[in-house]
Structure formats: C-alpha cells, structure tokens
Amino acid sequence: MNESAIEAAPIKKPRQPNPVYDHLTRRRKWPSVRVAAKLCIALNLLGAIVLAAIWQPDAVVGNASTIHTAFPSVVTIELSLVMAIISPFISAAVAAVGTARFANDEALALLMLGKFTPATVVRGHFEAAVFRLRLLWVACFGLLLPLWVATTILASVIAVVFAGGGVGDVDLRLMLIVSVPLAGVIGFAALVGVILNWLAICIGIWSGLRTAKPSHSIAISLTGVLIVLVSISFLLYLAYGFGWSPPDILGILLKQFAVTLIAGAYPVIGFWLLRRAEARLSRPIDI
C-alpha cells in the first residue's frame, strides 16, 4: 500500500466513554461481561449433559421408570416458559427504576448543562440497563441448549406413543430427526425473546425519564410490557391457533404478517420510544 492510500484511509476514533453508563455501573463489577458469557456457556453445556445422562429410553424397569427419567425435561421446559414470561417485566422494571432515580440525580442536570447530548444520555441508560441485567441474560440464554434437548426428548416420546409404540421404542435416529425443526423453533423463540426484552428496556427508559418517579415509571413500564405480551399472544394465536382450517394462502399470509409485526414493528416502537426519551431530555424534567 502506497503512502497516498495510507493518508487517504480514514482514522477510526476510539469510542468515547459514556458518563451515564460509568455513573450507573460504577459499583457493579461482578460478574463482568466475559464472566457472564462463560457462565452462560457452562450452564448450557451442564444442563444439556445432565438431561441427556438422566434420560433412559430403554430402561429395563419398564415404561414407568422411563417416563420418570423424562421428568427433568418437563421441568426444564416449564422453567424456560417461566423465564420467557417474566424476563421482559424484569427488564422493564430495572430500566425504569435506574432511569427514574438518575433523572432525580443532580448528575443528570450537570450532564445536560455540559456538552453531552440527549442521545448520549439515553444510550448510557440503555447500556447500563443491559449491563445490570447480565445475570438475567445468563439465566435465559443458558437454558437454550437444555431446552433443545428437553423438547427433543419429549417430542420423540410423543411421536412414538402416537404411532402406537412404547416409550422404550425411542431411538437416536428419531431424536435426530425431531431435533432439527425444534432447533429452528427455539431459535425463533429466542429471537422473539430478544425483541421483547429490547422493547421492555426501551419502555422502561422512556417511562423513567417521563415521570422521574420510580413507582410511577414501574407501573407504566409493566403495563406497557403486559400490553405487548397480550398483543404478541393474539398475533400468534391469529397465525397458528385457528379453530378452523384456513386456506393455505391465507394461513401463510397470516403467519408472515404475525412474524413481520413481531420482528419488525416492535423494534421500531422501541426506537421511537428512545427518540421520545431524547426529546424529553430536551426540556426540563419535573422533579
């Protein structure tokens, strides 16, 4: 590379530290992001290994003993459902409380008098909320691989039973066949979960800056998350839960419509709420 090309190349500036993020996370050092990622990987591997080791499709004692070995898989699925439901509420509450408390802090007024823009403040709140919720991310993402193993086990058992066989007839080949589509379903569910928690954090930040009161912001953010969950449940029911069988084209269009709203509209709403939060910082906050 010649000297002219080197001179013409743009110089990447180092990212400037965010004062809001530094202020809100100054007392929270453990676990670090790296440690949280390692915990998530360990939880995935440990859970999957334990479920696979306990499951015994060819138990010599009989079908009752075999079914008992699948009980941990049922517990894993139930725990995953509980985490999927409560995680957006936790995300919204943590973001709302942290933002509302900081809105009452003199540090915010000093920041707004300085060179920091509303976008910098809102981004700092968002990054701080994501960091504060790192243990929640470990619990949620750490259940993905165990959930895949658990659903594969139960789906294989159900497939064999409905085919007229016994629980002991489940073999590795059947489980491999069943596991492929389940991986796609769990991946899509994980994507929906990420979108929900993203939107929940945005709702929490917006409500915290709007009210500057933790109790009011929690009530608003939790109500917003509840509305989002109800709307998503209605969309999924509309796409997949018909009591009648719609024509193939109509069914495909409805499913695409539901997926498009979940994957597209809700993130847009989150960005809009963040912009509203920035606009709220452009005028005085009632304290």
Protein backbone atom coordinates (compact mmCIF):
# COMPACT_ATOMS: atom_id res chain seq x y z
CA MET A 1 0.00 0.00 0.00
CA ASN A 2 1.46 3.37 -1.05
CA GLU A 3 1.72 6.44 1.16
CA SER A 4 -1.17 8.26 -0.54
CA ALA A 5 -3.53 5.36 0.16
CA ILE A 6 -2.44 5.29 3.80
CA GLU A 7 -3.04 9.02 4.15
CA ALA A 8 -6.47 8.74 2.49
CA ALA A 9 -7.59 5.91 4.77
CA PRO A 10 -9.99 7.09 7.47
CA ILE A 11 -8.72 7.06 11.03
CA LYS A 12 -11.01 5.17 13.38
CA LYS A 13 -11.51 7.18 16.51
CA PRO A 14 -11.65 5.33 19.83
CA ARG A 15 -15.06 5.16 21.39
CA GLN A 16 -15.59 7.81 24.00
CA PRO A 17 -16.67 6.63 27.46
CA ASN A 18 -20.31 7.27 28.30
CA PRO A 19 -20.61 9.20 31.59
CA VAL A 20 -24.13 7.94 32.29
CA TYR A 21 -23.09 4.31 31.84
CA ASP A 22 -19.99 4.84 34.02
CA HIS A 23 -22.07 6.51 36.74
CA LEU A 24 -24.80 3.87 36.83
CA THR A 25 -22.43 0.87 36.78
CA ARG A 26 -19.63 2.21 38.97
CA ARG A 27 -20.45 -0.14 41.89
CA ARG A 28 -21.26 -3.22 39.84
CA LYS A 29 -18.12 -5.06 38.81
CA TRP A 30 -19.07 -8.75 39.14
CA PRO A 31 -19.75 -10.62 37.10
CA SER A 32 -18.05 -8.95 34.18
CA VAL A 33 -19.39 -9.41 30.68
CA ARG A 34 -16.74 -12.04 29.97
CA VAL A 35 -17.53 -13.97 33.15
CA ALA A 36 -21.26 -13.78 32.36
CA ALA A 37 -20.62 -15.23 28.89
CA LYS A 38 -18.61 -18.08 30.40
CA LEU A 39 -21.38 -18.76 32.93
CA CYS A 40 -23.92 -18.88 30.09
CA ILE A 41 -21.84 -21.40 28.12
CA ALA A 42 -21.25 -23.52 31.22
CA LEU A 43 -24.96 -23.51 32.08
CA ASN A 44 -25.86 -24.61 28.56
CA LEU A 45 -23.37 -27.46 28.49
CA LEU A 46 -24.08 -28.63 32.04
CA GLY A 47 -27.85 -28.60 31.57
CA ALA A 48 -27.72 -30.46 28.26
CA ILE A 49 -25.32 -33.09 29.60
CA VAL A 50 -27.39 -33.70 32.74
CA LEU A 51 -30.65 -34.08 30.79
CA ALA A 52 -29.04 -36.43 28.26
CA ALA A 53 -27.45 -38.50 31.02
CA ILE A 54 -30.67 -38.86 33.03
CA TRP A 55 -32.85 -39.76 30.05
CA GLN A 56 -33.04 -43.57 29.58
CA PRO A 57 -35.37 -44.57 26.72
CA ASP A 58 -34.55 -48.27 27.14
CA ALA A 59 -34.87 -48.50 30.92
CA VAL A 60 -35.15 -52.17 31.89
CA VAL A 61 -37.54 -51.49 34.77
CA GLY A 62 -40.36 -50.57 32.42
CA ASN A 63 -42.14 -47.64 30.86
CA ALA A 64 -42.91 -46.03 34.21
CA SER A 65 -39.22 -45.76 35.05
CA THR A 66 -38.52 -44.45 31.55
CA ILE A 67 -41.13 -41.72 31.92
CA HIS A 68 -39.65 -40.74 35.26
CA THR A 69 -36.27 -40.14 33.57
CA ALA A 70 -38.02 -37.60 31.29
CA PHE A 71 -39.34 -35.60 34.24
CA PRO A 72 -36.28 -33.25 34.34
CA SER A 73 -37.02 -32.39 30.72
CA VAL A 74 -40.56 -31.34 31.68
CA VAL A 75 -39.16 -29.17 34.48
CA THR A 76 -36.68 -27.59 32.06
CA ILE A 77 -39.43 -26.68 29.61
CA GLU A 78 -41.59 -25.21 32.37
CA LEU A 79 -38.66 -23.20 33.74
CA SER A 80 -37.90 -21.88 30.25
CA LEU A 81 -41.50 -20.77 29.78
CA VAL A 82 -41.47 -19.00 33.14
CA MET A 83 -38.24 -17.18 32.27
CA ALA A 84 -39.63 -16.19 28.87
CA ILE A 85 -42.70 -14.65 30.52
CA ILE A 86 -41.08 -12.84 33.44
CA SER A 87 -37.86 -11.63 31.79
CA PRO A 88 -39.47 -8.67 29.92
CA PHE A 89 -41.09 -7.50 33.15
CA ILE A 90 -37.75 -7.68 34.98
CA SER A 91 -36.02 -5.83 32.14
CA ALA A 92 -38.61 -3.06 32.11
CA ALA A 93 -38.58 -2.67 35.90
CA VAL A 94 -34.78 -2.50 36.17
CA ALA A 95 -34.53 0.02 33.32
CA ALA A 96 -37.39 2.13 34.71
CA VAL A 97 -36.06 2.30 38.27
CA GLY A 98 -32.49 3.06 37.23
CA THR A 99 -33.57 5.75 34.79
CA ALA A 100 -36.07 7.40 37.15
CA ARG A 101 -33.58 7.56 40.01
CA PHE A 102 -30.95 9.08 37.77
CA ALA A 103 -33.49 11.60 36.48
CA ASN A 104 -33.72 12.90 40.05
CA ASP A 105 -29.95 13.00 40.41
CA GLU A 106 -28.02 16.25 40.14
CA ALA A 107 -25.59 14.45 37.85
CA LEU A 108 -28.18 14.47 35.08
CA ALA A 109 -28.61 18.25 35.31
CA LEU A 110 -24.84 18.70 35.17
CA LEU A 111 -24.60 16.47 32.12
CA MET A 112 -27.33 18.36 30.30
CA LEU A 113 -25.55 21.64 31.04
CA GLY A 114 -22.36 20.24 29.51
CA LYS A 115 -21.52 19.03 26.04
CA PHE A 116 -23.37 15.72 26.28
CA THR A 117 -26.39 15.30 24.03
CA PRO A 118 -29.70 13.67 24.96
CA ALA A 119 -28.77 10.77 22.67
CA THR A 120 -25.63 10.16 24.75
CA VAL A 121 -27.65 10.12 27.97
CA VAL A 122 -30.29 7.75 26.59
CA ARG A 123 -27.66 5.42 25.15
CA GLY A 124 -25.91 5.37 28.52
CA HIS A 125 -29.17 4.39 30.23
CA PHE A 126 -29.74 1.60 27.70
CA GLU A 127 -26.21 0.20 28.02
CA ALA A 128 -26.39 0.40 31.81
CA ALA A 129 -29.70 -1.48 31.86
CA VAL A 130 -28.28 -4.22 29.63
CA PHE A 131 -25.25 -4.50 31.91
CA ARG A 132 -27.34 -4.61 35.08
CA LEU A 133 -29.43 -7.44 33.62
CA ARG A 134 -26.45 -9.64 32.75
CA LEU A 135 -27.43 -12.36 35.24
CA LEU A 136 -30.89 -12.45 33.67
CA TRP A 137 -29.26 -12.96 30.26
CA VAL A 138 -27.18 -15.79 31.72
CA ALA A 139 -30.33 -17.50 33.02
CA CYS A 140 -32.30 -17.01 29.79
CA PHE A 141 -29.64 -17.85 27.21
CA GLY A 142 -28.20 -20.55 29.46
CA LEU A 143 -31.44 -22.51 29.08
CA LEU A 144 -31.41 -22.63 25.26
CA LEU A 145 -29.39 -25.80 24.79
CA PRO A 146 -31.06 -27.66 27.72
CA LEU A 147 -34.43 -26.58 26.29
CA TRP A 148 -33.48 -28.03 22.91
CA VAL A 149 -32.50 -31.34 24.50
CA ALA A 150 -35.64 -31.41 26.68
CA THR A 151 -38.06 -30.68 23.82
CA THR A 152 -36.31 -33.26 21.64
CA ILE A 153 -36.76 -35.93 24.31
CA LEU A 154 -40.44 -35.18 24.93
CA ALA A 155 -41.27 -34.72 21.24
CA SER A 156 -39.68 -38.07 20.44
CA VAL A 157 -41.66 -39.79 23.20
CA ILE A 158 -44.92 -38.19 22.00
CA ALA A 159 -44.20 -39.17 18.38
CA VAL A 160 -43.61 -42.81 19.32
CA VAL A 161 -46.66 -43.01 21.60
CA PHE A 162 -48.97 -41.56 18.94
CA ALA A 163 -47.53 -44.01 16.43
CA GLY A 164 -48.67 -46.86 18.65
CA GLY A 165 -45.29 -47.78 20.09
CA GLY A 166 -43.89 -47.81 23.59
CA VAL A 167 -41.71 -45.23 25.28
CA GLY A 168 -38.80 -47.62 25.05
CA ASP A 169 -39.02 -47.54 21.24
CA VAL A 170 -37.45 -44.07 21.08
CA ASP A 171 -34.09 -44.31 19.33
CA LEU A 172 -31.30 -41.91 18.46
CA ARG A 173 -32.30 -41.67 14.79
CA LEU A 174 -35.79 -40.47 15.67
CA MET A 175 -34.42 -37.94 18.13
CA LEU A 176 -32.05 -36.52 15.50
CA ILE A 177 -34.93 -36.15 13.03
CA VAL A 178 -37.11 -34.42 15.62
CA SER A 179 -34.33 -32.14 16.86
CA VAL A 180 -33.79 -30.34 13.53
CA PRO A 181 -37.13 -28.48 13.30
CA LEU A 182 -37.12 -27.91 17.06
CA ALA A 183 -33.80 -26.06 16.72
CA GLY A 184 -35.49 -23.62 14.34
CA VAL A 185 -38.47 -23.16 16.65
CA ILE A 186 -36.26 -22.49 19.68
CA GLY A 187 -34.11 -20.11 17.64
CA PHE A 188 -37.18 -18.14 16.58
CA ALA A 189 -38.43 -18.10 20.17
CA ALA A 190 -35.04 -16.77 21.31
CA LEU A 191 -35.25 -14.02 18.69
CA VAL A 192 -38.73 -13.05 19.92
CA GLY A 193 -37.37 -13.01 23.47
CA VAL A 194 -34.54 -10.66 22.49
CA ILE A 195 -37.01 -8.35 20.76
CA LEU A 196 -39.34 -8.38 23.78
CA ASN A 197 -36.58 -7.55 26.24
CA TRP A 198 -35.21 -4.86 23.91
CA LEU A 199 -38.64 -3.25 23.77
CA ALA A 200 -39.11 -3.68 27.54
CA ILE A 201 -35.86 -1.80 28.23
CA CYS A 202 -36.92 0.97 25.85
CA ILE A 203 -40.27 1.24 27.62
CA GLY A 204 -38.51 1.41 30.99
CA ILE A 205 -36.13 4.17 29.89
CA TRP A 206 -38.92 6.20 28.33
CA SER A 207 -41.19 5.90 31.37
CA GLY A 208 -38.32 6.66 33.77
CA LEU A 209 -37.44 9.91 32.00
CA ARG A 210 -41.08 10.80 31.51
CA THR A 211 -42.11 10.54 35.17
CA ALA A 212 -38.78 10.75 37.05
CA LYS A 213 -40.51 8.74 39.80
CA PRO A 214 -39.58 5.06 40.28
CA SER A 215 -43.04 3.91 41.39
CA HIS A 216 -44.85 5.63 38.51
CA SER A 217 -42.29 4.51 35.94
CA ILE A 218 -42.51 0.88 37.10
CA ALA A 219 -46.31 0.93 36.81
CA ILE A 220 -46.19 2.42 33.32
CA SER A 221 -43.43 0.12 32.07
CA LEU A 222 -45.00 -3.07 33.44
CA THR A 223 -48.35 -2.10 31.92
CA GLY A 224 -46.65 -1.49 28.59
CA VAL A 225 -44.93 -4.89 28.69
CA LEU A 226 -48.23 -6.57 29.54
CA ILE A 227 -49.88 -4.92 26.53
CA VAL A 228 -47.03 -6.07 24.29
CA LEU A 229 -47.24 -9.67 25.55
CA VAL A 230 -51.00 -9.76 25.07
CA SER A 231 -50.66 -8.39 21.54
CA ILE A 232 -47.98 -10.94 20.65
CA SER A 233 -50.09 -13.77 22.08
CA PHE A 234 -53.01 -12.56 19.96
CA LEU A 235 -50.85 -12.42 16.83
CA LEU A 236 -49.51 -15.91 17.40
CA TYR A 237 -53.00 -17.22 18.05
CA LEU A 238 -54.22 -15.47 14.92
CA ALA A 239 -51.47 -17.13 12.87
CA TYR A 240 -51.32 -20.60 14.42
CA GLY A 241 -54.29 -21.14 16.72
CA PHE A 242 -57.33 -21.19 14.46
CA GLY A 243 -60.11 -23.49 15.44
CA TRP A 244 -60.87 -23.82 11.74
CA SER A 245 -58.51 -24.60 8.87
CA PRO A 246 -57.98 -21.55 6.64
CA PRO A 247 -56.88 -21.90 3.02
CA ASP A 248 -53.15 -22.43 2.59
CA ILE A 249 -52.53 -18.99 1.08
CA LEU A 250 -54.46 -17.22 3.85
CA GLY A 251 -52.68 -19.20 6.52
CA ILE A 252 -49.26 -18.40 5.06
CA LEU A 253 -50.10 -14.70 4.80
CA LEU A 254 -51.32 -14.57 8.39
CA LYS A 255 -48.17 -16.26 9.65
CA GLN A 256 -45.98 -13.89 7.65
CA PHE A 257 -47.99 -10.95 8.95
CA ALA A 258 -47.54 -12.05 12.57
CA VAL A 259 -43.81 -12.71 12.17
CA THR A 260 -43.32 -9.37 10.38
CA LEU A 261 -45.01 -7.44 13.17
CA ILE A 262 -43.04 -9.24 15.87
CA ALA A 263 -39.67 -8.97 14.10
CA GLY A 264 -40.18 -5.52 12.58
CA ALA A 265 -42.81 -3.38 14.25
CA TYR A 266 -41.80 -3.91 17.86
CA PRO A 267 -38.13 -2.87 17.38
CA VAL A 268 -39.39 0.21 15.52
CA ILE A 269 -41.60 1.04 18.51
CA GLY A 270 -38.53 0.68 20.74
CA PHE A 271 -36.52 3.12 18.63
CA TRP A 272 -39.45 5.54 18.66
CA LEU A 273 -39.63 5.40 22.46
CA LEU A 274 -35.91 6.11 22.71
CA ARG A 275 -36.35 9.13 20.46
CA ARG A 276 -39.21 10.31 22.66
CA ALA A 277 -36.93 9.91 25.67
CA GLU A 278 -34.31 12.07 23.96
CA ALA A 279 -36.97 14.69 23.24
CA ARG A 280 -37.99 14.57 26.91
CA LEU A 281 -34.42 15.46 27.89
CA SER A 282 -34.53 18.50 25.66
CA ARG A 283 -36.88 20.19 28.13
CA PRO A 284 -36.78 20.41 31.92
CA ILE A 285 -37.73 17.32 33.92
CA ASP A 286 -40.30 17.80 36.66
CA ILE A 287 -38.70 16.64 39.90
